[in-house]
């Protein structure tokens, strides 16, 4: 039973960390968007590269705050690398839909592909470099 609670803590801890960083990225995007009215839409290729790089940067910053992985076993780290970005992206999409229903304009990070790339970039950095 203790093993199950530990595994859930590892997964949910990493999930909360990734969702927090995605939320901070969205706040930055919303602030930037207010300053950049009347700009032409960005290309999808640039958005894919940009969100992946932003996720890698967020992963590096997260290592400054939480230098240790919340998953302590190799299997736990692999599971968090595979499942947490998927869950974080789904939560980000859900939050974007919730905000859209409240009248706020969605950003591109509210789409699954971009949210997933961000979370995967962050997860890969944490998997590779977290102690």
N, C-alpha and C. Protein backbone atom coordinates (compact mmCIF):
# COMPACT_ATOMS: atom_id res chain seq x y z
N UNK A 1 0.81 -1.19 0.00
CA UNK A 1 0.00 0.00 0.00
C UNK A 1 0.86 1.26 0.00
N UNK A 2 1.94 1.22 0.75
CA UNK A 2 2.84 2.36 0.83
C UNK A 2 3.49 2.65 -0.52
N UNK A 3 3.77 1.60 -1.27
CA UNK A 3 4.37 1.76 -2.59
C UNK A 3 3.42 2.50 -3.54
N UNK A 4 2.14 2.20 -3.43
CA UNK A 4 1.15 2.85 -4.28
C UNK A 4 1.07 4.34 -3.96
N UNK A 5 1.04 4.67 -2.67
CA UNK A 5 0.99 6.09 -2.28
C UNK A 5 2.25 6.83 -2.72
N UNK A 6 3.39 6.18 -2.61
CA UNK A 6 4.64 6.81 -3.04
C UNK A 6 4.64 7.05 -4.55
N UNK A 7 4.15 6.09 -5.32
CA UNK A 7 4.09 6.24 -6.78
C UNK A 7 3.12 7.35 -7.16
N UNK A 8 1.98 7.42 -6.49
CA UNK A 8 1.02 8.48 -6.77
C UNK A 8 1.59 9.86 -6.42
N UNK A 9 2.31 9.94 -5.31
CA UNK A 9 2.94 11.20 -4.91
C UNK A 9 3.96 11.63 -5.95
N UNK A 10 4.77 10.68 -6.45
CA UNK A 10 5.77 11.01 -7.45
C UNK A 10 5.13 11.55 -8.72
N UNK A 11 4.09 10.86 -9.18
CA UNK A 11 3.44 11.26 -10.43
C UNK A 11 2.71 12.59 -10.25
N UNK A 12 1.93 12.73 -9.19
CA UNK A 12 1.17 13.96 -8.99
C UNK A 12 2.08 15.14 -8.65
N UNK A 13 3.18 14.90 -7.98
CA UNK A 13 4.12 15.97 -7.69
C UNK A 13 4.71 16.55 -8.97
N UNK A 14 5.16 15.67 -9.86
CA UNK A 14 5.70 16.12 -11.15
C UNK A 14 4.61 16.77 -11.99
N UNK A 15 3.40 16.24 -11.92
CA UNK A 15 2.28 16.81 -12.68
C UNK A 15 1.98 18.23 -12.21
N UNK A 16 1.91 18.42 -10.92
CA UNK A 16 1.63 19.76 -10.37
C UNK A 16 2.74 20.72 -10.77
N UNK A 17 3.98 20.26 -10.73
CA UNK A 17 5.11 21.11 -11.11
C UNK A 17 5.00 21.52 -12.58
N UNK A 18 4.67 20.59 -13.46
CA UNK A 18 4.57 20.92 -14.87
C UNK A 18 3.37 21.82 -15.17
N UNK A 19 2.25 21.55 -14.53
CA UNK A 19 1.07 22.41 -14.75
C UNK A 19 1.35 23.81 -14.23
N UNK A 20 2.04 23.94 -13.13
CA UNK A 20 2.40 25.25 -12.60
C UNK A 20 3.26 26.02 -13.59
N UNK A 21 4.26 25.36 -14.16
CA UNK A 21 5.11 26.05 -15.12
C UNK A 21 4.37 26.38 -16.42
N UNK A 22 3.45 25.51 -16.84
CA UNK A 22 2.64 25.83 -18.02
C UNK A 22 1.73 27.02 -17.74
N UNK A 23 1.18 27.09 -16.53
CA UNK A 23 0.34 28.23 -16.17
C UNK A 23 1.15 29.53 -16.17
N UNK A 24 2.36 29.47 -15.66
CA UNK A 24 3.22 30.66 -15.68
C UNK A 24 3.56 31.07 -17.12
N UNK A 25 3.79 30.09 -17.97
CA UNK A 25 4.06 30.39 -19.39
C UNK A 25 2.83 31.04 -20.03
N UNK A 26 1.65 30.55 -19.70
CA UNK A 26 0.43 31.13 -20.26
C UNK A 26 0.23 32.56 -19.80
N UNK A 27 0.53 32.83 -18.55
CA UNK A 27 0.43 34.21 -18.06
C UNK A 27 1.35 35.11 -18.86
N UNK A 28 2.57 34.64 -19.09
CA UNK A 28 3.51 35.42 -19.90
C UNK A 28 3.02 35.62 -21.32
N UNK A 29 2.42 34.59 -21.90
CA UNK A 29 1.90 34.70 -23.26
C UNK A 29 0.74 35.70 -23.31
N UNK A 30 -0.13 35.65 -22.31
CA UNK A 30 -1.25 36.61 -22.27
C UNK A 30 -0.73 38.04 -22.12
N UNK A 31 0.27 38.25 -21.29
CA UNK A 31 0.83 39.58 -21.12
C UNK A 31 1.51 40.05 -22.41
N UNK A 32 2.21 39.17 -23.04
CA UNK A 32 2.89 39.50 -24.31
C UNK A 32 1.88 39.80 -25.40
N UNK A 33 0.79 39.06 -25.40
CA UNK A 33 -0.24 39.23 -26.43
C UNK A 33 -0.88 40.61 -26.33
N UNK A 34 -1.07 41.11 -25.11
CA UNK A 34 -1.65 42.44 -24.94
C UNK A 34 -0.75 43.52 -25.54
N UNK A 35 0.58 43.30 -25.46
CA UNK A 35 1.52 44.26 -26.01
C UNK A 35 1.65 44.15 -27.52
N UNK A 36 1.34 42.99 -28.09
CA UNK A 36 1.60 42.72 -29.50
C UNK A 36 0.32 42.60 -30.32
N UNK A 37 -0.60 43.51 -30.13
CA UNK A 37 -1.83 43.50 -30.93
C UNK A 37 -1.49 43.81 -32.39
N UNK A 38 -2.34 43.36 -33.28
CA UNK A 38 -2.22 43.63 -34.71
C UNK A 38 -0.99 43.01 -35.36
N UNK A 39 -0.44 41.94 -34.79
CA UNK A 39 0.65 41.23 -35.44
C UNK A 39 0.08 40.08 -36.24
N UNK A 40 0.73 39.72 -37.36
CA UNK A 40 0.23 38.59 -38.13
C UNK A 40 0.40 37.29 -37.35
N UNK A 41 -0.42 36.27 -37.62
CA UNK A 41 -0.29 35.02 -36.90
C UNK A 41 1.06 34.35 -37.15
N UNK A 42 1.56 33.68 -36.17
CA UNK A 42 2.85 32.99 -36.28
C UNK A 42 2.66 31.69 -37.05
N UNK A 43 3.74 31.23 -37.66
CA UNK A 43 3.67 29.96 -38.38
C UNK A 43 3.64 28.81 -37.38
N UNK A 44 3.03 27.72 -37.77
CA UNK A 44 2.94 26.55 -36.89
C UNK A 44 4.32 25.97 -36.58
N UNK A 45 5.20 26.01 -37.56
CA UNK A 45 6.55 25.49 -37.34
C UNK A 45 7.26 26.27 -36.25
N UNK A 46 7.15 27.59 -36.31
CA UNK A 46 7.77 28.41 -35.26
C UNK A 46 7.13 28.17 -33.91
N UNK A 47 5.81 27.97 -33.88
CA UNK A 47 5.15 27.69 -32.60
C UNK A 47 5.60 26.35 -32.03
N UNK A 48 5.74 25.34 -32.87
CA UNK A 48 6.20 24.02 -32.40
C UNK A 48 7.60 24.14 -31.80
N UNK A 49 8.49 24.77 -32.54
CA UNK A 49 9.86 24.93 -32.05
C UNK A 49 9.88 25.81 -30.79
N UNK A 50 9.12 26.88 -30.82
CA UNK A 50 9.11 27.80 -29.69
C UNK A 50 8.59 27.17 -28.41
N UNK A 51 7.49 26.43 -28.50
CA UNK A 51 6.95 25.82 -27.28
C UNK A 51 7.82 24.69 -26.77
N UNK A 52 8.44 23.95 -27.68
CA UNK A 52 9.38 22.91 -27.23
C UNK A 52 10.57 23.54 -26.51
N UNK A 53 11.12 24.61 -27.08
CA UNK A 53 12.24 25.31 -26.43
C UNK A 53 11.81 25.96 -25.12
N UNK A 54 10.61 26.53 -25.10
CA UNK A 54 10.11 27.12 -23.86
C UNK A 54 9.96 26.05 -22.77
N UNK A 55 9.54 24.86 -23.16
CA UNK A 55 9.45 23.76 -22.21
C UNK A 55 10.82 23.33 -21.69
N UNK A 56 11.81 23.30 -22.58
CA UNK A 56 13.18 22.97 -22.16
C UNK A 56 13.70 24.02 -21.19
N UNK A 57 13.44 25.28 -21.48
CA UNK A 57 13.86 26.35 -20.57
C UNK A 57 13.15 26.22 -19.23
N UNK A 58 11.85 25.94 -19.27
CA UNK A 58 11.10 25.76 -18.02
C UNK A 58 11.65 24.57 -17.24
N UNK A 59 12.05 23.52 -17.93
CA UNK A 59 12.65 22.37 -17.26
C UNK A 59 13.95 22.76 -16.56
N UNK A 60 14.75 23.58 -17.23
CA UNK A 60 15.99 24.05 -16.60
C UNK A 60 15.73 24.92 -15.39
N UNK A 61 14.75 25.82 -15.49
CA UNK A 61 14.41 26.67 -14.36
C UNK A 61 13.85 25.83 -13.22
N UNK A 62 13.05 24.81 -13.55
CA UNK A 62 12.48 23.97 -12.50
C UNK A 62 13.58 23.22 -11.74
N UNK A 63 14.68 22.93 -12.42
CA UNK A 63 15.80 22.26 -11.74
C UNK A 63 16.47 23.18 -10.72
N UNK A 64 16.38 24.49 -10.96
CA UNK A 64 16.92 25.42 -9.97
C UNK A 64 16.08 25.43 -8.71
N UNK A 65 14.78 25.20 -8.87
CA UNK A 65 13.86 25.20 -7.74
C UNK A 65 13.79 23.82 -7.08
N UNK A 66 13.61 22.79 -7.91
CA UNK A 66 13.53 21.40 -7.44
C UNK A 66 14.58 20.58 -8.16
N UNK A 67 15.79 20.54 -7.59
CA UNK A 67 16.89 19.86 -8.28
C UNK A 67 16.76 18.35 -8.25
N UNK A 68 15.94 17.82 -7.36
CA UNK A 68 15.77 16.37 -7.27
C UNK A 68 14.45 15.97 -7.93
N UNK A 69 14.50 14.84 -8.58
CA UNK A 69 13.27 14.31 -9.18
C UNK A 69 12.36 13.82 -8.06
N UNK A 70 11.08 14.05 -8.23
CA UNK A 70 10.14 13.57 -7.23
C UNK A 70 9.96 12.06 -7.35
N UNK A 71 10.30 11.50 -8.51
CA UNK A 71 10.28 10.05 -8.71
C UNK A 71 11.66 9.52 -8.36
N UNK A 72 11.73 8.58 -7.43
CA UNK A 72 13.02 8.13 -6.92
C UNK A 72 13.54 6.89 -7.63
N UNK A 73 12.69 6.11 -8.25
CA UNK A 73 13.14 4.90 -8.93
C UNK A 73 13.22 5.16 -10.42
N UNK A 74 14.00 4.33 -11.11
CA UNK A 74 14.11 4.47 -12.56
C UNK A 74 12.76 4.25 -13.23
N UNK A 75 12.04 3.24 -12.79
CA UNK A 75 10.72 2.98 -13.39
C UNK A 75 9.76 4.14 -13.14
N UNK A 76 9.82 4.73 -11.96
CA UNK A 76 8.97 5.88 -11.66
C UNK A 76 9.31 7.07 -12.53
N UNK A 77 10.60 7.27 -12.79
CA UNK A 77 11.00 8.39 -13.65
C UNK A 77 10.55 8.17 -15.09
N UNK A 78 10.61 6.93 -15.56
CA UNK A 78 10.16 6.63 -16.92
C UNK A 78 8.65 6.84 -17.03
N UNK A 79 7.92 6.38 -16.01
CA UNK A 79 6.46 6.55 -16.03
C UNK A 79 6.10 8.03 -16.01
N UNK A 80 6.80 8.82 -15.19
CA UNK A 80 6.50 10.25 -15.17
C UNK A 80 6.86 10.92 -16.49
N UNK A 81 7.92 10.44 -17.14
CA UNK A 81 8.28 11.01 -18.45
C UNK A 81 7.22 10.70 -19.49
N UNK A 82 6.60 9.53 -19.40
CA UNK A 82 5.60 9.15 -20.40
C UNK A 82 4.21 9.70 -20.09
N UNK A 83 3.80 9.68 -18.84
CA UNK A 83 2.42 10.03 -18.49
C UNK A 83 2.21 11.49 -18.09
N UNK A 84 3.15 12.07 -17.40
CA UNK A 84 2.95 13.42 -16.86
C UNK A 84 2.79 14.47 -17.97
N UNK A 85 3.60 14.47 -19.03
CA UNK A 85 3.35 15.46 -20.09
C UNK A 85 1.97 15.32 -20.72
N UNK A 86 1.51 14.11 -20.88
CA UNK A 86 0.18 13.88 -21.44
C UNK A 86 -0.89 14.46 -20.51
N UNK A 87 -0.79 14.16 -19.23
CA UNK A 87 -1.77 14.66 -18.26
C UNK A 87 -1.69 16.18 -18.12
N UNK A 88 -0.48 16.73 -18.13
CA UNK A 88 -0.32 18.19 -18.01
C UNK A 88 -0.93 18.89 -19.22
N UNK A 89 -0.72 18.33 -20.40
CA UNK A 89 -1.30 18.93 -21.61
C UNK A 89 -2.82 18.88 -21.56
N UNK A 90 -3.37 17.76 -21.12
CA UNK A 90 -4.83 17.64 -21.01
C UNK A 90 -5.39 18.65 -20.01
N UNK A 91 -4.70 18.84 -18.89
CA UNK A 91 -5.16 19.81 -17.90
C UNK A 91 -5.07 21.24 -18.44
N UNK A 92 -4.03 21.53 -19.20
CA UNK A 92 -3.88 22.86 -19.78
C UNK A 92 -4.98 23.14 -20.79
N UNK A 93 -5.31 22.15 -21.62
CA UNK A 93 -6.40 22.29 -22.59
C UNK A 93 -7.72 22.51 -21.85
N UNK A 94 -7.95 21.75 -20.80
CA UNK A 94 -9.18 21.90 -20.02
C UNK A 94 -9.27 23.31 -19.42
N UNK A 95 -8.15 23.80 -18.86
CA UNK A 95 -8.15 25.15 -18.30
C UNK A 95 -8.39 26.20 -19.38
N UNK A 96 -7.84 25.98 -20.57
CA UNK A 96 -8.07 26.91 -21.67
C UNK A 96 -9.54 26.95 -22.08
N UNK A 97 -10.18 25.79 -22.12
CA UNK A 97 -11.62 25.74 -22.45
C UNK A 97 -12.44 26.41 -21.35
N UNK A 98 -12.04 26.21 -20.12
CA UNK A 98 -12.75 26.84 -18.99
C UNK A 98 -12.64 28.36 -19.09
N UNK A 99 -11.43 28.86 -19.40
CA UNK A 99 -11.25 30.30 -19.54
C UNK A 99 -12.03 30.83 -20.74
N UNK A 100 -12.09 30.08 -21.82
CA UNK A 100 -12.83 30.52 -23.02
C UNK A 100 -14.32 30.64 -22.70
N UNK A 101 -14.85 29.73 -21.89
CA UNK A 101 -16.26 29.82 -21.49
C UNK A 101 -16.51 31.06 -20.63
N UNK A 102 -15.47 31.53 -19.96
CA UNK A 102 -15.61 32.72 -19.12
C UNK A 102 -15.32 34.00 -19.90
N UNK A 103 -15.11 33.89 -21.22
CA UNK A 103 -14.95 35.07 -22.04
C UNK A 103 -13.51 35.50 -22.29
N UNK A 104 -12.54 34.75 -21.79
CA UNK A 104 -11.15 35.09 -22.03
C UNK A 104 -10.70 34.48 -23.35
N UNK A 105 -9.84 35.18 -24.06
CA UNK A 105 -9.37 34.70 -25.34
C UNK A 105 -8.30 33.61 -25.14
N UNK A 106 -8.47 32.45 -25.80
CA UNK A 106 -7.47 31.40 -25.66
C UNK A 106 -6.18 31.74 -26.40
N UNK A 107 -5.09 31.14 -25.95
CA UNK A 107 -3.80 31.30 -26.62
C UNK A 107 -3.42 29.96 -27.24
N UNK A 108 -2.38 29.95 -28.03
CA UNK A 108 -2.00 28.72 -28.71
C UNK A 108 -1.56 27.62 -27.74
N UNK A 109 -1.07 27.98 -26.57
CA UNK A 109 -0.68 26.96 -25.58
C UNK A 109 -1.89 26.19 -25.06
N UNK A 110 -3.08 26.71 -25.30
CA UNK A 110 -4.30 26.00 -24.89
C UNK A 110 -4.63 24.85 -25.84
N UNK A 111 -3.92 24.71 -26.92
CA UNK A 111 -4.12 23.58 -27.82
C UNK A 111 -3.24 22.42 -27.37
N UNK A 112 -3.75 21.20 -27.55
CA UNK A 112 -3.09 20.02 -27.00
C UNK A 112 -1.67 19.86 -27.52
N UNK A 113 -1.45 20.00 -28.82
CA UNK A 113 -0.12 19.74 -29.37
C UNK A 113 0.92 20.67 -28.77
N UNK A 114 0.60 21.94 -28.64
CA UNK A 114 1.57 22.89 -28.11
C UNK A 114 1.79 22.67 -26.61
N UNK A 115 0.72 22.40 -25.90
CA UNK A 115 0.85 22.13 -24.46
C UNK A 115 1.65 20.86 -24.23
N UNK A 116 1.44 19.84 -25.07
CA UNK A 116 2.17 18.59 -24.93
C UNK A 116 3.66 18.80 -25.22
N UNK A 117 3.98 19.54 -26.27
CA UNK A 117 5.38 19.80 -26.59
C UNK A 117 6.08 20.56 -25.46
N UNK A 118 5.39 21.52 -24.89
CA UNK A 118 5.95 22.26 -23.76
C UNK A 118 6.24 21.30 -22.60
N UNK A 119 5.23 20.51 -22.24
CA UNK A 119 5.38 19.59 -21.10
C UNK A 119 6.41 18.50 -21.38
N UNK A 120 6.47 18.02 -22.62
CA UNK A 120 7.45 16.99 -22.96
C UNK A 120 8.87 17.57 -22.90
N UNK A 121 9.06 18.79 -23.38
CA UNK A 121 10.38 19.41 -23.28
C UNK A 121 10.81 19.57 -21.84
N UNK A 122 9.89 20.01 -21.01
CA UNK A 122 10.19 20.15 -19.58
C UNK A 122 10.47 18.80 -18.94
N UNK A 123 9.65 17.81 -19.28
CA UNK A 123 9.82 16.48 -18.71
C UNK A 123 11.14 15.83 -19.12
N UNK A 124 11.54 16.03 -20.36
CA UNK A 124 12.80 15.45 -20.83
C UNK A 124 14.00 16.05 -20.09
N UNK A 125 13.96 17.35 -19.87
CA UNK A 125 15.06 17.99 -19.13
C UNK A 125 15.08 17.48 -17.70
N UNK A 126 13.93 17.40 -17.08
CA UNK A 126 13.88 16.90 -15.70
C UNK A 126 14.32 15.45 -15.63
N UNK A 127 13.94 14.64 -16.61
CA UNK A 127 14.34 13.23 -16.63
C UNK A 127 15.86 13.11 -16.79
N UNK A 128 16.44 13.92 -17.66
CA UNK A 128 17.86 13.82 -17.95
C UNK A 128 18.75 14.39 -16.84
N UNK A 129 18.31 15.46 -16.20
CA UNK A 129 19.22 16.18 -15.30
C UNK A 129 18.83 16.21 -13.83
N UNK A 130 17.60 15.81 -13.47
CA UNK A 130 17.23 15.83 -12.05
C UNK A 130 17.92 14.67 -11.34
N UNK A 131 18.42 14.95 -10.18
CA UNK A 131 19.17 13.93 -9.42
C UNK A 131 18.24 12.92 -8.79
